[in-house]
Amino acid sequence: MTLLPITAPAFLLDVHRLDPEAGGWGLRVDHAVATTAGDTYVLAGLRRYRAHAAGSADPAERDFGYQLITRHDTGGKPIATAVFGQAVPGGVPSAIPEGDSATLAVLPDGAIAISSKPGSTHLLSPDLDKVLASWPMSWGWEKQQGPRDDPFAASITVTPAGRLLCMTSEYGLSNWAGAHPNIVAVSEPGTALGPGRKPVLRAIATLDGRTDCQSDTDSYAHVRYADAPVGRGNRPSPSLTEALSELTGTSGSLYGYLDSTMTRPAAFGDDLFVVPVFGKTYRSSNRGQEFSFALVDDRGVLRGRLGGLHLREDSPFTGFDFTVVSDPHHAHAFHLNRYGLYAWSADGVLRARMSTAEKPFKPLVHFALLECTPAGELLLAHRKQHLLLRVPVPQDLDDLAVAVETALKGYGRERTMLKRQYGPVNWLWSDDAATVNPH
């Protein structure tokens, strides 16, 4: 099966009497990952808002907002769903709060990590029936030190050797309030994340080095540089903001890298990583604004950028598609935005570009790129039809365009088969077969 439905538990829809034909509800697909055995985990958000629902005690009238992790077996069948973010009607409060920009990772021992900004990480069992551990982090205006503010990472990517490539956040940056993702860090091979085990992360890159506002409490023991916790001046230097400004000749420019942001790093292998960095976002059009997919090694050296992209013609700011994914086993990286699908080799050379202006690839504008599986498949989520398309990547990237065109041509046929099986209404795929685990 190359097409999977992104489902919602039937019992939740029944409890809330959600009418798919009515307005006010939405299903958001955040991320997906796959195991080496071929199982797939999909992270989504299901919510409803009704202007007249305030104060109602009836679940059929109340607003709700859940996050869902659904496990699909190798045949594509949903077999288990974890429900969290708020209490299921009649249940206890959720042990996992709803997270912002959440992503998944399959850890070497099979546990599923869900990480979200600014730095919260929660571990679930492979069957999604247990919450194994939690490390929460508040945004800052509600900052609490001690056991209630014990973060791990805002995102985790696992390298082939089992290293954890992480993005972590800091307080006290420049004149910003709250916590912001600012550090790229890696664990050492053989260290594990689990109940009672939080490995040391070695910082290899800082996005923004303006830390004059930091205090002694704005550091965490597990994120270290030069044998001490990262904080104030103890950090990798120069910052990515400074290094990319110098590399691109944009130092001091209004449209340079000052006040830039970064998204989840991807791994080319165990010692080379891609860090997506984007210039400041303005209220007006940002097409043409600076961005870089920076190549950073595990010693923190900036090795250049993924090449071949035009600031305007290939801008990820249209639609805000900032995700880069990688296949570390074949040293490939991929990016999809409203203008095309792109693929690079580990030397940063652009090997394939499929423009959405060309007829065979126009449907790509309806998809978001989520991940690349251990088997070398791209996971693409349809933004409106809530289906997950798996696209096999050939070893030779010169053949990728043919593989993508073939997958897009087969999409309609497989979608018809799933519609006969599930009978979705308004592209809401209801499932009553998977085991549901409220957390």
Protein backbone atom coordinates (compact mmCIF):
# COMPACT_ATOMS: atom_id res chain seq x y z
CA MET A 1 0.00 0.00 0.00
CA THR A 2 1.54 3.34 -1.04
CA LEU A 3 -1.39 5.47 0.14
CA LEU A 4 -2.52 5.61 3.78
CA PRO A 5 -5.61 7.33 5.23
CA ILE A 6 -4.93 9.80 8.04
CA THR A 7 -7.72 8.66 10.32
CA ALA A 8 -9.63 9.93 13.35
CA PRO A 9 -11.00 7.51 15.99
CA ALA A 10 -14.71 6.88 15.38
CA PHE A 11 -15.50 7.02 19.11
CA LEU A 12 -14.20 10.61 19.37
CA LEU A 13 -16.37 11.66 16.45
CA ASP A 14 -19.36 9.93 18.07
CA VAL A 15 -18.80 11.46 21.53
CA HIS A 16 -18.57 14.95 20.09
CA ARG A 17 -21.18 14.19 17.41
CA LEU A 18 -18.92 15.81 14.86
CA ASP A 19 -20.70 16.41 11.57
CA PRO A 20 -18.08 16.35 8.80
CA GLU A 21 -20.39 18.33 6.55
CA ALA A 22 -20.64 21.15 9.09
CA GLY A 23 -18.00 23.82 9.47
CA GLY A 24 -15.83 24.64 12.43
CA TRP A 25 -13.65 21.53 12.49
CA GLY A 26 -10.23 20.82 11.07
CA LEU A 27 -7.65 18.04 10.78
CA ARG A 28 -4.01 19.10 10.69
CA VAL A 29 -1.21 16.69 9.74
CA ASP A 30 2.03 17.54 11.55
CA HIS A 31 4.51 14.74 10.92
CA ALA A 32 5.01 11.05 10.14
CA VAL A 33 7.84 8.57 10.63
CA ALA A 34 8.40 4.92 9.77
CA THR A 35 10.27 2.07 11.41
CA THR A 36 12.83 -0.15 9.71
CA ALA A 37 10.20 -2.92 9.81
CA GLY A 38 7.79 -0.78 7.78
CA ASP A 39 5.25 0.42 10.37
CA THR A 40 4.24 4.07 10.04
CA TYR A 41 3.34 6.55 12.79
CA VAL A 42 1.31 9.64 11.81
CA LEU A 43 0.95 12.69 14.06
CA ALA A 44 -2.15 14.83 13.47
CA GLY A 45 -4.34 17.36 15.24
CA LEU A 46 -8.14 17.25 15.34
CA ARG A 47 -10.10 20.23 16.63
CA ARG A 48 -13.48 21.93 16.52
CA TYR A 49 -14.51 25.47 17.37
CA ARG A 50 -18.06 26.68 17.87
CA ALA A 51 -18.78 30.30 18.76
CA HIS A 52 -21.79 29.32 20.88
CA ALA A 53 -20.06 26.45 22.75
CA ALA A 54 -18.51 28.41 25.63
CA GLY A 55 -19.42 26.88 28.96
CA SER A 56 -21.36 23.97 27.53
CA ALA A 57 -21.11 20.72 29.49
CA ASP A 58 -22.28 18.63 26.54
CA PRO A 59 -19.36 17.07 24.62
CA ALA A 60 -21.49 17.30 21.49
CA GLU A 61 -21.43 21.09 21.81
CA ARG A 62 -18.02 21.75 23.33
CA ASP A 63 -14.91 22.90 21.50
CA PHE A 64 -12.07 20.38 21.50
CA GLY A 65 -8.49 20.03 20.39
CA TYR A 66 -6.74 16.67 20.36
CA GLN A 67 -3.44 15.44 19.05
CA LEU A 68 -3.38 11.94 17.61
CA ILE A 69 -0.57 9.51 16.88
CA THR A 70 -1.77 6.61 14.76
CA ARG A 71 0.30 3.52 14.08
CA HIS A 72 -0.22 1.78 10.72
CA ASP A 73 1.09 -1.72 10.13
CA THR A 74 3.13 -2.69 7.09
CA GLY A 75 -0.06 -3.21 5.10
CA GLY A 76 -1.29 0.30 5.88
CA LYS A 77 -3.98 -0.71 8.40
CA PRO A 78 -4.41 1.56 11.47
CA ILE A 79 -3.80 -0.61 14.53
CA ALA A 80 -3.38 1.83 17.44
CA THR A 81 -4.00 5.49 18.21
CA ALA A 82 -2.74 7.62 21.08
CA VAL A 83 -5.05 10.53 21.98
CA PHE A 84 -3.70 13.43 24.04
CA GLY A 85 -3.68 17.21 24.34
CA GLN A 86 -6.87 17.37 26.40
CA ALA A 87 -8.99 15.00 28.43
CA VAL A 88 -11.30 12.67 26.57
CA PRO A 89 -14.87 13.20 27.90
CA GLY A 90 -15.25 11.20 31.10
CA GLY A 91 -11.50 10.66 31.40
CA VAL A 92 -8.62 12.08 33.42
CA PRO A 93 -6.58 15.13 32.34
CA SER A 94 -4.13 14.42 29.55
CA ALA A 95 -0.59 13.50 30.66
CA ILE A 96 0.77 15.10 27.46
CA PRO A 97 -0.21 18.71 26.70
CA GLU A 98 -0.77 19.80 23.13
CA GLY A 99 2.57 20.78 21.61
CA ASP A 100 3.51 23.45 19.08
CA SER A 101 5.27 22.36 15.85
CA ALA A 102 5.44 18.80 17.16
CA THR A 103 7.44 16.07 15.41
CA LEU A 104 8.06 12.36 15.97
CA ALA A 105 11.14 10.17 16.15
CA VAL A 106 11.55 6.41 16.38
CA LEU A 107 14.30 5.81 18.94
CA PRO A 108 16.76 2.90 18.61
CA ASP A 109 14.86 0.88 21.25
CA GLY A 110 11.56 1.33 19.36
CA ALA A 111 10.05 3.96 21.68
CA ILE A 112 8.27 6.87 20.01
CA ALA A 113 9.43 10.36 20.96
CA ILE A 114 7.18 13.35 20.40
CA SER A 115 8.96 16.68 20.72
CA SER A 116 7.55 20.18 20.46
CA LYS A 117 8.56 23.79 20.90
CA PRO A 118 10.06 25.19 22.95
CA GLY A 119 11.66 21.97 24.25
CA SER A 120 9.21 19.39 25.55
CA THR A 121 9.77 15.70 24.86
CA HIS A 122 7.49 12.77 25.75
CA LEU A 123 8.16 9.07 25.15
CA LEU A 124 5.46 6.53 24.27
CA SER A 125 5.75 2.77 23.98
CA PRO A 126 5.85 1.33 20.44
CA ASP A 127 2.25 0.12 20.88
CA LEU A 128 1.22 3.65 21.98
CA ASP A 129 -0.39 2.23 25.12
CA LYS A 130 1.95 3.80 27.70
CA VAL A 131 3.58 7.15 28.39
CA LEU A 132 7.09 6.13 29.40
CA ALA A 133 8.63 9.50 30.31
CA SER A 134 8.08 13.24 30.01
CA TRP A 135 10.41 16.25 29.98
CA PRO A 136 8.33 19.47 29.78
CA MET A 137 9.47 23.01 28.97
CA SER A 138 7.37 26.14 29.35
CA TRP A 139 7.50 29.04 26.90
CA GLY A 140 8.97 31.52 29.37
CA TRP A 141 6.18 33.86 30.42
CA GLU A 142 5.12 30.93 32.61
CA LYS A 143 8.64 29.67 33.18
CA GLN A 144 9.07 27.35 36.12
CA GLN A 145 12.37 25.93 37.27
CA GLY A 146 12.67 22.53 38.88
CA PRO A 147 10.74 19.34 38.07
CA ARG A 148 8.04 21.15 36.06
CA ASP A 149 10.61 22.73 33.70
CA ASP A 150 12.90 19.87 32.78
CA PRO A 151 13.22 19.95 28.97
CA PHE A 152 14.99 17.71 26.53
CA ALA A 153 14.55 18.91 22.92
CA ALA A 154 12.26 20.81 20.56
CA SER A 155 12.98 18.20 17.87
CA ILE A 156 14.85 14.89 17.56
CA THR A 157 16.27 13.14 14.51
CA VAL A 158 18.00 9.76 14.83
CA THR A 159 21.17 9.13 12.78
CA PRO A 160 22.12 5.65 11.42
CA ALA A 161 24.45 5.05 14.40
CA GLY A 162 21.72 6.01 16.87
CA ARG A 163 22.95 9.52 17.67
CA LEU A 164 20.21 12.00 18.55
CA LEU A 165 20.40 15.16 16.44
CA CYS A 166 18.42 17.73 18.40
CA MET A 167 17.20 21.30 18.27
CA THR A 168 16.96 22.87 21.73
CA SER A 169 15.69 26.23 22.98
CA GLU A 170 17.04 29.02 25.16
CA TYR A 171 15.63 31.85 27.23
CA GLY A 172 17.09 35.36 27.29
CA LEU A 173 17.96 35.77 23.62
CA SER A 174 18.38 39.37 22.42
CA ASN A 175 15.26 41.30 23.49
CA TRP A 176 12.83 38.46 22.83
CA ALA A 177 10.41 37.19 25.45
CA GLY A 178 10.10 33.49 26.12
CA ALA A 179 12.13 30.58 24.81
CA HIS A 180 13.27 30.15 21.21
CA PRO A 181 14.93 27.25 19.32
CA ASN A 182 18.56 28.30 19.17
CA ILE A 183 20.95 25.33 19.57
CA VAL A 184 21.80 22.37 17.33
CA ALA A 185 23.24 19.54 19.43
CA VAL A 186 24.05 15.83 19.15
CA SER A 187 24.36 12.94 21.55
CA GLU A 188 27.19 10.43 21.43
CA PRO A 189 26.70 6.95 19.93
CA GLY A 190 25.48 4.39 22.43
CA THR A 191 23.74 6.85 24.74
CA ALA A 192 20.02 6.29 25.22
CA LEU A 193 16.98 8.43 25.98
CA GLY A 194 14.48 6.73 28.27
CA PRO A 195 12.86 6.74 31.71
CA GLY A 196 15.47 8.14 34.08
CA ARG A 197 17.99 8.52 31.25
CA LYS A 198 18.54 11.91 29.63
CA PRO A 199 21.77 11.84 27.59
CA VAL A 200 24.13 14.78 27.33
CA LEU A 201 23.75 16.77 24.12
CA ARG A 202 26.89 18.42 22.75
CA ALA A 203 26.15 21.80 21.17
CA ILE A 204 27.61 22.18 17.69
CA ALA A 205 25.88 25.33 16.45
CA THR A 206 24.13 28.43 17.80
CA LEU A 207 21.60 30.27 15.66
CA ASP A 208 21.75 33.62 17.49
CA GLY A 209 24.63 34.61 19.75
CA ARG A 210 23.00 37.70 21.32
CA THR A 211 22.73 36.42 24.91
CA ASP A 212 23.44 39.50 27.06
CA CYS A 213 20.01 39.11 28.71
CA GLN A 214 20.67 35.57 29.92
CA SER A 215 20.99 34.77 33.61
CA ASP A 216 22.52 31.86 35.49
CA THR A 217 19.16 30.07 35.45
CA ASP A 218 18.88 30.16 31.64
CA SER A 219 20.84 26.95 31.05
CA TYR A 220 20.30 23.21 31.35
CA ALA A 221 22.83 20.61 32.43
CA HIS A 222 22.17 18.22 29.52
CA VAL A 223 23.00 20.77 26.76
CA ARG A 224 26.74 21.39 26.99
CA TYR A 225 29.66 23.04 25.25
CA ALA A 226 33.30 22.72 26.34
CA ASP A 227 32.33 20.62 29.39
CA ALA A 228 29.87 23.19 30.77
CA PRO A 229 26.18 23.94 30.20
CA VAL A 230 25.45 26.20 27.24
CA GLY A 231 24.72 29.74 28.42
CA ARG A 232 25.84 33.31 27.83
CA GLY A 233 29.22 33.20 26.08
CA ASN A 234 29.76 29.46 26.50
CA ARG A 235 28.54 28.31 23.10
CA PRO A 236 29.71 27.51 19.56
CA SER A 237 31.00 30.58 17.72
CA PRO A 238 30.48 32.20 15.27
CA SER A 239 26.71 31.86 15.30
CA LEU A 240 24.90 30.59 12.21
CA THR A 241 23.43 34.08 11.82
CA GLU A 242 26.93 35.55 11.63
CA ALA A 243 28.43 32.78 9.50
CA LEU A 244 25.61 32.80 6.93
CA SER A 245 25.61 36.60 6.77
CA GLU A 246 29.31 36.50 5.92
CA LEU A 247 28.87 33.63 3.47
CA THR A 248 26.08 35.40 1.59
CA GLY A 249 27.40 38.95 1.93
CA THR A 250 24.26 40.15 3.72
CA SER A 251 25.77 41.49 6.96
CA GLY A 252 23.87 44.60 8.01
CA SER A 253 21.19 44.09 5.36
CA LEU A 254 17.54 44.63 6.28
CA TYR A 255 16.77 41.39 4.44
CA GLY A 256 19.65 39.34 5.84
CA TYR A 257 19.82 36.80 8.67
CA LEU A 258 19.36 39.08 11.69
CA ASP A 259 16.44 37.76 13.79
CA SER A 260 16.31 34.61 11.67
CA THR A 261 14.69 31.33 12.72
CA MET A 262 15.49 27.67 12.15
CA THR A 263 13.49 24.50 11.74
CA ARG A 264 14.20 20.87 12.50
CA PRO A 265 17.73 19.80 11.45
CA ALA A 266 18.08 16.76 9.18
CA ALA A 267 20.94 14.25 9.08
CA PHE A 268 22.95 13.43 5.96
CA GLY A 269 24.70 10.80 8.08
CA ASP A 270 26.25 10.52 11.53
CA ASP A 271 28.52 13.55 11.18
CA LEU A 272 26.95 15.89 8.59
CA PHE A 273 23.68 17.73 9.07
CA VAL A 274 21.36 20.17 7.29
CA VAL A 275 20.05 23.12 9.31
CA PRO A 276 17.27 25.15 7.61
CA VAL A 277 17.68 28.85 8.48
CA PHE A 278 15.23 31.55 7.37
CA GLY A 279 15.47 35.32 7.50
CA LYS A 280 13.09 37.46 9.48
CA THR A 281 9.44 37.16 8.43
CA TYR A 282 7.68 40.43 7.64
CA ARG A 283 3.99 41.21 7.42
CA SER A 284 4.32 42.04 3.74
CA SER A 285 5.40 39.51 1.11
CA ASN A 286 8.57 37.62 2.07
CA ARG A 287 9.23 36.04 -1.30
CA GLY A 288 12.86 36.75 -2.11
CA GLN A 289 13.92 36.93 1.55
CA GLU A 290 17.16 35.19 2.50
CA PHE A 291 17.14 31.51 3.46
CA SER A 292 19.80 28.82 3.64
CA PHE A 293 19.87 25.07 4.09
CA ALA A 294 23.18 25.14 5.96
CA LEU A 295 25.57 22.17 5.96
CA VAL A 296 27.11 21.74 9.42
CA ASP A 297 29.40 18.91 10.50
CA ASP A 298 29.50 17.37 13.97
CA ARG A 299 32.38 19.65 14.96
CA GLY A 300 30.24 22.68 14.23
CA VAL A 301 32.02 23.72 11.03
CA LEU A 302 29.80 25.37 8.40
CA ARG A 303 30.51 23.35 5.24
CA GLY A 304 28.39 25.46 2.92
CA ARG A 305 24.77 25.22 1.83
CA LEU A 306 22.51 23.06 -0.28
CA GLY A 307 22.89 24.73 -3.65
CA GLY A 308 20.89 25.47 -6.76
CA LEU A 309 18.01 27.47 -5.23
CA HIS A 310 16.91 30.94 -6.29
CA LEU A 311 15.80 33.28 -3.50
CA ARG A 312 12.64 34.26 -5.36
CA GLU A 313 11.84 31.52 -7.89
CA ASP A 314 12.34 28.74 -5.31
CA SER A 315 11.25 30.65 -2.19
CA PRO A 316 9.90 28.51 0.67
CA PHE A 317 8.28 31.65 2.14
CA THR A 318 5.35 31.17 -0.25
CA GLY A 319 3.20 28.87 1.85
CA PHE A 320 5.87 28.81 4.59
CA ASP A 321 7.15 25.35 3.60
CA PHE A 322 10.44 25.21 5.51
CA THR A 323 10.94 21.46 6.01
CA VAL A 324 14.05 19.61 4.82
CA VAL A 325 14.16 15.82 5.20
CA SER A 326 16.97 13.40 4.55
CA ASP A 327 17.85 9.81 3.79
CA PRO A 328 21.05 9.35 5.82
CA HIS A 329 21.56 5.82 4.54
CA HIS A 330 22.03 7.12 0.98
CA ALA A 331 23.15 10.68 1.88
CA HIS A 332 20.24 12.41 0.13
CA ALA A 333 18.23 15.47 1.24
CA PHE A 334 14.85 16.70 -0.02
CA HIS A 335 12.69 19.82 0.15
CA LEU A 336 9.19 20.55 -1.18
CA ASN A 337 7.58 23.95 -1.48
CA ARG A 338 4.96 25.55 -3.71
CA TYR A 339 7.45 25.87 -6.58
CA GLY A 340 8.92 22.39 -6.72
CA LEU A 341 10.42 19.26 -5.19
CA TYR A 342 14.20 19.33 -4.83
CA ALA A 343 16.83 16.67 -4.08
CA TRP A 344 20.52 16.99 -3.18
CA SER A 345 23.52 14.74 -2.65
CA ALA A 346 25.73 15.08 0.44
CA ASP A 347 28.11 17.48 -1.32
CA GLY A 348 25.27 19.99 -1.51
CA VAL A 349 24.80 19.67 -5.26
CA LEU A 350 21.20 19.91 -6.50
CA ARG A 351 20.56 16.64 -8.32
CA ALA A 352 16.85 16.91 -9.15
CA ARG A 353 14.24 19.65 -9.42
CA MET A 354 10.60 18.93 -10.27
CA SER A 355 8.85 22.23 -10.97
CA THR A 356 5.18 22.53 -10.03
CA ALA A 357 4.80 24.67 -13.16
CA GLU A 358 5.20 21.48 -15.22
CA LYS A 359 2.04 19.45 -15.77
CA PRO A 360 3.21 16.10 -14.32
CA PHE A 361 4.22 17.78 -11.04
CA LYS A 362 1.43 20.33 -10.57
CA PRO A 363 -0.33 18.12 -7.97
CA LEU A 364 2.68 18.55 -5.66
CA VAL A 365 1.35 21.97 -4.59
CA HIS A 366 -1.35 20.08 -2.65
CA PHE A 367 1.17 18.07 -0.62
CA ALA A 368 3.45 18.72 2.35
CA LEU A 369 6.72 16.82 2.70
CA LEU A 370 6.88 15.19 6.13
CA GLU A 371 9.78 12.73 6.22
CA CYS A 372 11.95 10.16 4.46
CA THR A 373 11.63 6.57 5.72
CA PRO A 374 14.48 4.13 6.48
CA ALA A 375 13.43 2.29 3.31
CA GLY A 376 14.07 5.43 1.27
CA GLU A 377 10.50 6.61 0.69
CA LEU A 378 9.26 10.18 0.82
CA LEU A 379 6.16 10.69 2.97
CA LEU A 380 3.87 13.33 1.46
CA ALA A 381 0.61 14.42 3.13
CA HIS A 382 -2.24 15.82 1.03
CA ARG A 383 -3.24 19.10 2.66
CA LYS A 384 -7.02 18.73 2.12
CA GLN A 385 -7.73 15.06 1.44
CA HIS A 386 -5.79 13.81 4.51
CA LEU A 387 -3.95 10.99 2.76
CA LEU A 388 -0.30 9.98 3.14
CA LEU A 389 1.52 9.16 -0.09
CA ARG A 390 4.69 7.08 -0.01
CA VAL A 391 7.06 7.79 -2.91
CA PRO A 392 9.99 5.35 -3.35
CA VAL A 393 13.26 7.16 -4.02
CA PRO A 394 15.58 5.47 -6.55
CA GLN A 395 19.26 5.21 -5.64
CA ASP A 396 20.10 7.40 -8.64
CA LEU A 397 18.44 10.79 -8.05
CA ASP A 398 18.41 11.34 -11.81
CA ASP A 399 15.51 8.87 -11.86
CA LEU A 400 13.53 10.60 -9.09
CA ALA A 401 11.29 12.58 -11.44
CA VAL A 402 10.00 9.37 -13.02
CA ALA A 403 9.28 7.85 -9.59
CA VAL A 404 7.40 10.97 -8.44
CA GLU A 405 5.36 11.16 -11.65
CA THR A 406 4.42 7.48 -11.34
CA ALA A 407 3.33 7.92 -7.70
CA LEU A 408 1.21 10.96 -8.53
CA LYS A 409 -0.47 9.12 -11.41
CA GLY A 410 -1.34 6.21 -9.11
CA TYR A 411 -2.67 8.48 -6.36
CA GLY A 412 -6.20 8.76 -7.78
CA ARG A 413 -6.58 5.02 -8.29
CA GLU A 414 -5.52 4.15 -4.75
CA ARG A 415 -7.61 6.98 -3.32
CA THR A 416 -10.70 5.47 -4.98
CA MET A 417 -9.96 2.11 -3.37
CA LEU A 418 -9.64 3.72 0.08
CA LYS A 419 -12.88 5.68 -0.39
CA ARG A 420 -14.72 2.43 -1.03
CA GLN A 421 -13.22 0.95 2.12
CA TYR A 422 -13.68 3.89 4.52
CA GLY A 423 -16.47 6.00 3.01
CA PRO A 424 -15.01 9.36 4.11
CA VAL A 425 -17.25 12.42 4.38
CA ASN A 426 -15.66 15.74 3.45
CA TRP A 427 -12.26 13.97 3.54
CA LEU A 428 -12.61 12.96 7.19
CA TRP A 429 -11.49 9.32 7.44
CA SER A 430 -13.16 7.64 10.41
CA ASP A 431 -11.67 4.43 11.83
CA ASP A 432 -13.10 2.09 14.46
CA ALA A 433 -10.61 -0.78 14.13
CA ALA A 434 -7.53 0.70 15.85
CA THR A 435 -7.03 0.39 19.60
CA VAL A 436 -7.48 3.85 21.13
CA ASN A 437 -5.26 4.87 24.06
CA PRO A 438 -6.21 8.15 25.79
CA HIS A 439 -3.23 9.72 27.53
